[in-house]
Amino acid sequence: MTGTPRIALSIASAARYATFNSGESILSGFGTTSHELFDYTVRAGDYDGDGVSVEAGSFE
């Protein structure tokens, strides 16, 4: 993979992208858990009455 990872968001009918911030893996007695954080800055007009969704297979 090259560049900054991102995921596609669907906000109303507009396509927006959240970019990778950080990630970590934590080993515990239950196994390894991974956490990845993505950031998105809300823009004027970003309103979706039924919620924001992440598009399937949208990890780039």
N, C-alpha and C. Protein backbone atom coordinates (compact mmCIF):
# COMPACT_ATOMS: atom_id res chain seq x y z
N MET A 1 0.84 -1.17 0.00
CA MET A 1 0.00 0.00 0.00
C MET A 1 0.89 1.23 0.00
N THR A 2 0.49 2.23 -0.76
CA THR A 2 1.22 3.48 -0.78
C THR A 2 0.29 4.61 -0.36
N GLY A 3 0.87 5.70 0.11
CA GLY A 3 0.07 6.84 0.52
C GLY A 3 -0.58 6.64 1.87
N THR A 4 -1.50 7.52 2.19
CA THR A 4 -2.20 7.49 3.47
C THR A 4 -3.48 6.66 3.34
N PRO A 5 -3.65 5.63 4.18
CA PRO A 5 -4.90 4.85 4.11
C PRO A 5 -6.11 5.73 4.39
N ARG A 6 -7.23 5.41 3.76
CA ARG A 6 -8.46 6.16 3.98
C ARG A 6 -9.65 5.22 3.75
N ILE A 7 -10.80 5.63 4.28
CA ILE A 7 -12.03 4.90 4.06
C ILE A 7 -13.08 5.87 3.52
N ALA A 8 -13.92 5.34 2.64
CA ALA A 8 -14.97 6.16 2.02
C ALA A 8 -16.18 6.23 2.94
N LEU A 9 -16.72 7.42 3.10
CA LEU A 9 -17.93 7.65 3.87
C LEU A 9 -19.03 8.10 2.92
N SER A 10 -20.25 7.76 3.23
CA SER A 10 -21.40 8.24 2.47
C SER A 10 -22.18 9.18 3.38
N ILE A 11 -22.17 10.46 3.04
CA ILE A 11 -22.89 11.47 3.82
C ILE A 11 -23.93 12.08 2.88
N ALA A 12 -25.19 11.73 3.13
CA ALA A 12 -26.28 12.06 2.19
C ALA A 12 -25.88 11.48 0.84
N SER A 13 -25.76 12.28 -0.20
CA SER A 13 -25.36 11.74 -1.50
C SER A 13 -23.91 12.07 -1.84
N ALA A 14 -23.20 12.66 -0.88
CA ALA A 14 -21.82 13.07 -1.12
C ALA A 14 -20.83 12.00 -0.65
N ALA A 15 -19.79 11.78 -1.44
CA ALA A 15 -18.70 10.89 -1.05
C ALA A 15 -17.63 11.71 -0.33
N ARG A 16 -17.27 11.27 0.83
CA ARG A 16 -16.22 11.93 1.62
C ARG A 16 -15.24 10.86 2.07
N TYR A 17 -14.07 11.27 2.53
CA TYR A 17 -13.06 10.32 2.97
C TYR A 17 -12.53 10.66 4.36
N ALA A 18 -12.39 9.63 5.18
CA ALA A 18 -11.73 9.76 6.48
C ALA A 18 -10.32 9.21 6.31
N THR A 19 -9.33 9.93 6.80
CA THR A 19 -7.94 9.50 6.63
C THR A 19 -7.39 8.88 7.91
N PHE A 20 -6.45 7.97 7.72
CA PHE A 20 -5.84 7.24 8.82
C PHE A 20 -5.11 8.18 9.77
N ASN A 21 -5.33 7.98 11.07
CA ASN A 21 -4.66 8.76 12.10
C ASN A 21 -3.62 7.91 12.81
N SER A 22 -4.04 6.79 13.39
CA SER A 22 -3.10 5.93 14.12
C SER A 22 -3.71 4.56 14.31
N GLY A 23 -2.88 3.63 14.75
CA GLY A 23 -3.36 2.29 15.01
C GLY A 23 -2.44 1.59 16.00
N GLU A 24 -2.98 0.55 16.62
CA GLU A 24 -2.17 -0.22 17.57
C GLU A 24 -2.78 -1.60 17.74
N SER A 25 -1.95 -2.51 18.16
CA SER A 25 -2.40 -3.86 18.51
C SER A 25 -2.12 -4.07 19.99
N ILE A 26 -3.09 -4.63 20.69
CA ILE A 26 -2.97 -4.87 22.13
C ILE A 26 -3.10 -6.36 22.38
N LEU A 27 -2.10 -6.93 23.04
CA LEU A 27 -2.13 -8.34 23.38
C LEU A 27 -2.67 -8.48 24.79
N SER A 28 -3.72 -9.30 24.94
CA SER A 28 -4.31 -9.52 26.26
C SER A 28 -4.53 -11.01 26.44
N GLY A 29 -5.10 -11.38 27.56
CA GLY A 29 -5.40 -12.78 27.84
C GLY A 29 -6.42 -13.36 26.89
N PHE A 30 -7.11 -12.50 26.13
CA PHE A 30 -8.13 -12.94 25.18
C PHE A 30 -7.63 -12.95 23.75
N GLY A 31 -6.37 -12.62 23.52
CA GLY A 31 -5.80 -12.56 22.18
C GLY A 31 -5.37 -11.15 21.84
N THR A 32 -5.19 -10.91 20.57
CA THR A 32 -4.74 -9.60 20.10
C THR A 32 -5.92 -8.82 19.55
N THR A 33 -6.02 -7.58 19.96
CA THR A 33 -7.06 -6.67 19.47
C THR A 33 -6.39 -5.52 18.74
N SER A 34 -6.89 -5.18 17.58
CA SER A 34 -6.34 -4.06 16.81
C SER A 34 -7.33 -2.91 16.79
N HIS A 35 -6.79 -1.72 16.86
CA HIS A 35 -7.60 -0.50 16.79
C HIS A 35 -6.98 0.42 15.75
N GLU A 36 -7.78 0.90 14.85
CA GLU A 36 -7.34 1.88 13.87
C GLU A 36 -8.24 3.10 13.99
N LEU A 37 -7.64 4.28 14.01
CA LEU A 37 -8.40 5.52 14.12
C LEU A 37 -8.31 6.29 12.81
N PHE A 38 -9.46 6.75 12.33
CA PHE A 38 -9.53 7.57 11.13
C PHE A 38 -10.18 8.89 11.50
N ASP A 39 -9.72 9.96 10.87
CA ASP A 39 -10.24 11.31 11.13
C ASP A 39 -11.04 11.83 9.94
N TYR A 40 -12.11 12.52 10.25
CA TYR A 40 -12.88 13.23 9.23
C TYR A 40 -13.29 14.57 9.82
N THR A 41 -13.06 15.63 9.09
CA THR A 41 -13.47 16.97 9.52
C THR A 41 -14.80 17.31 8.85
N VAL A 42 -15.79 17.61 9.65
CA VAL A 42 -17.11 17.95 9.15
C VAL A 42 -17.05 19.26 8.37
N ARG A 43 -17.70 19.26 7.22
CA ARG A 43 -17.75 20.45 6.36
C ARG A 43 -19.14 21.08 6.44
N ALA A 44 -19.21 22.33 6.07
CA ALA A 44 -20.52 22.99 5.99
C ALA A 44 -21.40 22.20 5.03
N GLY A 45 -22.62 21.93 5.42
CA GLY A 45 -23.55 21.19 4.58
C GLY A 45 -23.52 19.68 4.77
N ASP A 46 -22.60 19.17 5.62
CA ASP A 46 -22.55 17.73 5.90
C ASP A 46 -23.67 17.37 6.85
N TYR A 47 -24.80 17.00 6.30
CA TYR A 47 -25.94 16.56 7.10
C TYR A 47 -26.54 15.34 6.43
N ASP A 48 -26.79 14.33 7.23
CA ASP A 48 -27.43 13.12 6.71
C ASP A 48 -28.44 12.67 7.74
N GLY A 49 -29.72 12.85 7.43
CA GLY A 49 -30.80 12.58 8.37
C GLY A 49 -30.86 11.15 8.87
N ASP A 50 -30.37 10.19 8.08
CA ASP A 50 -30.42 8.81 8.54
C ASP A 50 -29.04 8.27 8.91
N GLY A 51 -28.07 9.14 9.07
CA GLY A 51 -26.75 8.74 9.57
C GLY A 51 -25.71 8.59 8.47
N VAL A 52 -24.48 8.67 8.90
CA VAL A 52 -23.33 8.52 8.02
C VAL A 52 -23.01 7.03 7.93
N SER A 53 -22.63 6.56 6.76
CA SER A 53 -22.27 5.15 6.62
C SER A 53 -20.89 5.00 6.01
N VAL A 54 -20.28 3.86 6.30
CA VAL A 54 -19.00 3.50 5.70
C VAL A 54 -19.32 2.53 4.57
N GLU A 55 -18.82 2.83 3.40
CA GLU A 55 -19.09 2.00 2.24
C GLU A 55 -18.35 0.66 2.36
N ALA A 56 -19.02 -0.42 2.03
CA ALA A 56 -18.40 -1.74 2.04
C ALA A 56 -17.20 -1.78 1.10
N GLY A 57 -16.10 -2.34 1.56
CA GLY A 57 -14.92 -2.46 0.74
C GLY A 57 -14.25 -1.14 0.44
N SER A 58 -14.46 -0.15 1.30
CA SER A 58 -14.00 1.20 1.00
C SER A 58 -12.60 1.52 1.51
N PHE A 59 -11.94 0.56 2.13
CA PHE A 59 -10.59 0.83 2.64
C PHE A 59 -9.64 0.96 1.47
N GLU A 60 -8.96 2.08 1.39
CA GLU A 60 -8.00 2.31 0.30
C GLU A 60 -6.62 2.52 0.86
